[in-house]
């Protein structure tokens, strides 16, 4: 039940962020749900591998390179999910930060 609630919160965060940020297009809530599932899966399996592979650069930048990794995961998700488009790497970076902030806020409100 808690996993379903987190999925709904992530879907809403993605949908709201797509409406706030120009250059990000999410066609509808179903697409936002698919984006939430794909992003969650990629963050669970691919992101730790990428962080491990880029550990020296991450240490040099004091962890700021993880934002770049998140942006690339968003761009990869946009290539996988039809109906989800991101204009550039900068837009993807802003989108990932805004989604994280909205997601954190909604999780605090619900808990």
C-alpha atoms as a PDB file:
ATOM      1  CA  UNK A   1       0.000   0.000   0.000  1.00  0.00           C
ATOM      2  CA  UNK A   2       2.852   2.372   0.875  1.00  0.00           C
ATOM      3  CA  UNK A   3       4.566   1.601  -2.440  1.00  0.00           C
ATOM      4  CA  UNK A   4       1.385   2.481  -4.321  1.00  0.00           C
ATOM      5  CA  UNK A   5       1.140   5.779  -2.423  1.00  0.00           C
ATOM      6  CA  UNK A   6       4.757   6.630  -3.270  1.00  0.00           C
ATOM      7  CA  UNK A   7       4.049   5.837  -6.923  1.00  0.00           C
ATOM      8  CA  UNK A   8       1.043   8.172  -6.932  1.00  0.00           C
ATOM      9  CA  UNK A   9       3.114  10.921  -5.282  1.00  0.00           C
ATOM     10  CA  UNK A  10       5.917  10.492  -7.831  1.00  0.00           C
ATOM     11  CA  UNK A  11       3.378  10.600 -10.663  1.00  0.00           C
ATOM     12  CA  UNK A  12       1.899  13.830  -9.342  1.00  0.00           C
ATOM     13  CA  UNK A  13       5.363  15.328  -8.861  1.00  0.00           C
ATOM     14  CA  UNK A  14       6.316  14.499 -12.455  1.00  0.00           C
ATOM     15  CA  UNK A  15       3.044  15.861 -13.807  1.00  0.00           C
ATOM     16  CA  UNK A  16       3.296  19.124 -11.824  1.00  0.00           C
ATOM     17  CA  UNK A  17       6.972  19.613 -12.694  1.00  0.00           C
ATOM     18  CA  UNK A  18       6.197  19.129 -16.378  1.00  0.00           C
ATOM     19  CA  UNK A  19       3.626  21.927 -16.147  1.00  0.00           C
ATOM     20  CA  UNK A  20       6.069  24.256 -14.339  1.00  0.00           C
ATOM     21  CA  UNK A  21       9.143  23.775 -16.524  1.00  0.00           C
ATOM     22  CA  UNK A  22       9.120  24.849 -20.151  1.00  0.00           C
ATOM     23  CA  UNK A  23      10.813  22.269 -22.350  1.00  0.00           C
ATOM     24  CA  UNK A  24       9.343  19.265 -20.538  1.00  0.00           C
ATOM     25  CA  UNK A  25       6.290  17.632 -22.082  1.00  0.00           C
ATOM     26  CA  UNK A  26       4.199  14.945 -20.409  1.00  0.00           C
ATOM     27  CA  UNK A  27       1.093  14.195 -22.439  1.00  0.00           C
ATOM     28  CA  UNK A  28      -1.201  12.972 -19.663  1.00  0.00           C
ATOM     29  CA  UNK A  29      -1.344  11.308 -16.238  1.00  0.00           C
ATOM     30  CA  UNK A  30      -0.908   7.827 -17.705  1.00  0.00           C
ATOM     31  CA  UNK A  31       2.335   8.959 -19.321  1.00  0.00           C
ATOM     32  CA  UNK A  32       3.396  10.509 -16.002  1.00  0.00           C
ATOM     33  CA  UNK A  33       2.695   7.173 -14.302  1.00  0.00           C
ATOM     34  CA  UNK A  34       4.825   5.324 -16.860  1.00  0.00           C
ATOM     35  CA  UNK A  35       7.590   7.923 -16.443  1.00  0.00           C
ATOM     36  CA  UNK A  36       7.447   7.458 -12.659  1.00  0.00           C
ATOM     37  CA  UNK A  37       7.788   3.685 -13.021  1.00  0.00           C
ATOM     38  CA  UNK A  38      10.651   3.905 -15.526  1.00  0.00           C
ATOM     39  CA  UNK A  39      12.478   6.619 -13.560  1.00  0.00           C
ATOM     40  CA  UNK A  40      12.097   4.651 -10.347  1.00  0.00           C
ATOM     41  CA  UNK A  41      13.420   1.507 -11.986  1.00  0.00           C
ATOM     42  CA  UNK A  42      16.390   3.279 -13.561  1.00  0.00           C
ATOM     43  CA  UNK A  43      17.187   5.048 -10.287  1.00  0.00           C
ATOM     44  CA  UNK A  44      17.073   1.726  -8.488  1.00  0.00           C
ATOM     45  CA  UNK A  45      19.257  -0.293 -10.856  1.00  0.00           C
ATOM     46  CA  UNK A  46      21.259   1.991 -13.161  1.00  0.00           C
ATOM     47  CA  UNK A  47      22.039   5.019 -10.984  1.00  0.00           C
ATOM     48  CA  UNK A  48      24.122   3.113  -8.370  1.00  0.00           C
ATOM     49  CA  UNK A  49      26.214   1.584 -11.159  1.00  0.00           C
ATOM     50  CA  UNK A  50      26.774   4.982 -12.772  1.00  0.00           C
ATOM     51  CA  UNK A  51      27.699   6.529  -9.428  1.00  0.00           C
ATOM     52  CA  UNK A  52      30.207   3.740  -8.813  1.00  0.00           C
ATOM     53  CA  UNK A  53      31.717   4.112 -12.285  1.00  0.00           C
ATOM     54  CA  UNK A  54      32.021   7.891 -11.929  1.00  0.00           C
ATOM     55  CA  UNK A  55      33.194   7.855  -8.322  1.00  0.00           C
ATOM     56  CA  UNK A  56      36.441   9.792  -8.946  1.00  0.00           C
ATOM     57  CA  UNK A  57      34.600  12.648 -10.701  1.00  0.00           C
ATOM     58  CA  UNK A  58      31.886  12.577  -8.039  1.00  0.00           C
ATOM     59  CA  UNK A  59      34.493  12.923  -5.298  1.00  0.00           C
ATOM     60  CA  UNK A  60      36.294  15.748  -7.113  1.00  0.00           C
ATOM     61  CA  UNK A  61      33.030  17.668  -7.516  1.00  0.00           C
ATOM     62  CA  UNK A  62      31.984  16.931  -3.922  1.00  0.00           C
ATOM     63  CA  UNK A  63      28.969  14.924  -5.086  1.00  0.00           C
ATOM     64  CA  UNK A  64      27.587  17.506  -7.504  1.00  0.00           C
ATOM     65  CA  UNK A  65      28.148  15.153 -10.434  1.00  0.00           C
ATOM     66  CA  UNK A  66      25.230  13.064  -9.159  1.00  0.00           C
ATOM     67  CA  UNK A  67      22.950  15.839 -10.448  1.00  0.00           C
ATOM     68  CA  UNK A  68      24.396  15.268 -13.922  1.00  0.00           C
ATOM     69  CA  UNK A  69      23.793  11.539 -13.568  1.00  0.00           C
ATOM     70  CA  UNK A  70      20.186  12.232 -12.607  1.00  0.00           C
ATOM     71  CA  UNK A  71      19.781  14.496 -15.632  1.00  0.00           C
ATOM     72  CA  UNK A  72      21.118  11.799 -17.953  1.00  0.00           C
ATOM     73  CA  UNK A  73      18.705   9.288 -16.433  1.00  0.00           C
ATOM     74  CA  UNK A  74      15.844  11.721 -17.134  1.00  0.00           C
ATOM     75  CA  UNK A  75      17.052  12.105 -20.730  1.00  0.00           C
ATOM     76  CA  UNK A  76      17.304   8.330 -21.099  1.00  0.00           C
ATOM     77  CA  UNK A  77      13.773   7.993 -19.738  1.00  0.00           C
ATOM     78  CA  UNK A  78      12.548  10.521 -22.295  1.00  0.00           C
ATOM     79  CA  UNK A  79      14.015   8.362 -25.049  1.00  0.00           C
ATOM     80  CA  UNK A  80      12.253   5.275 -23.673  1.00  0.00           C
ATOM     81  CA  UNK A  81       8.781   6.646 -22.900  1.00  0.00           C
ATOM     82  CA  UNK A  82       6.652   7.958 -25.757  1.00  0.00           C
ATOM     83  CA  UNK A  83       4.783  11.111 -24.790  1.00  0.00           C
ATOM     84  CA  UNK A  84       7.586  12.312 -22.497  1.00  0.00           C
ATOM     85  CA  UNK A  85       9.987  14.843 -23.993  1.00  0.00           C
ATOM     86  CA  UNK A  86      12.802  16.848 -22.457  1.00  0.00           C
ATOM     87  CA  UNK A  87      14.393  19.653 -24.472  1.00  0.00           C
ATOM     88  CA  UNK A  88      17.992  19.633 -23.189  1.00  0.00           C
ATOM     89  CA  UNK A  89      20.361  18.437 -20.499  1.00  0.00           C
ATOM     90  CA  UNK A  90      19.787  21.681 -18.564  1.00  0.00           C
ATOM     91  CA  UNK A  91      16.048  21.178 -18.697  1.00  0.00           C
ATOM     92  CA  UNK A  92      16.522  17.590 -17.514  1.00  0.00           C
ATOM     93  CA  UNK A  93      18.697  18.819 -14.647  1.00  0.00           C
ATOM     94  CA  UNK A  94      16.107  21.376 -13.578  1.00  0.00           C
ATOM     95  CA  UNK A  95      13.328  18.794 -13.980  1.00  0.00           C
ATOM     96  CA  UNK A  96      15.092  16.258 -11.749  1.00  0.00           C
ATOM     97  CA  UNK A  97      15.678  18.865  -9.036  1.00  0.00           C
ATOM     98  CA  UNK A  98      12.083  20.141  -9.147  1.00  0.00           C
ATOM     99  CA  UNK A  99      10.660  16.599  -9.099  1.00  0.00           C
ATOM    100  CA  UNK A 100      12.831  15.781  -6.080  1.00  0.00           C
ATOM    101  CA  UNK A 101      11.653  18.882  -4.214  1.00  0.00           C
ATOM    102  CA  UNK A 102       7.965  18.273  -4.994  1.00  0.00           C
ATOM    103  CA  UNK A 103       8.323  14.586  -4.161  1.00  0.00           C
ATOM    104  CA  UNK A 104       9.958  15.364  -0.808  1.00  0.00           C
ATOM    105  CA  UNK A 105       7.299  17.925   0.060  1.00  0.00           C
ATOM    106  CA  UNK A 106       4.403  15.601  -0.814  1.00  0.00           C
ATOM    107  CA  UNK A 107       5.969  12.708   1.101  1.00  0.00           C
ATOM    108  CA  UNK A 108       6.275  14.934   4.206  1.00  0.00           C
ATOM    109  CA  UNK A 109       2.647  16.029   3.883  1.00  0.00           C
ATOM    110  CA  UNK A 110       1.389  12.453   3.538  1.00  0.00           C
ATOM    111  CA  UNK A 111       3.507  10.978   6.339  1.00  0.00           C
END
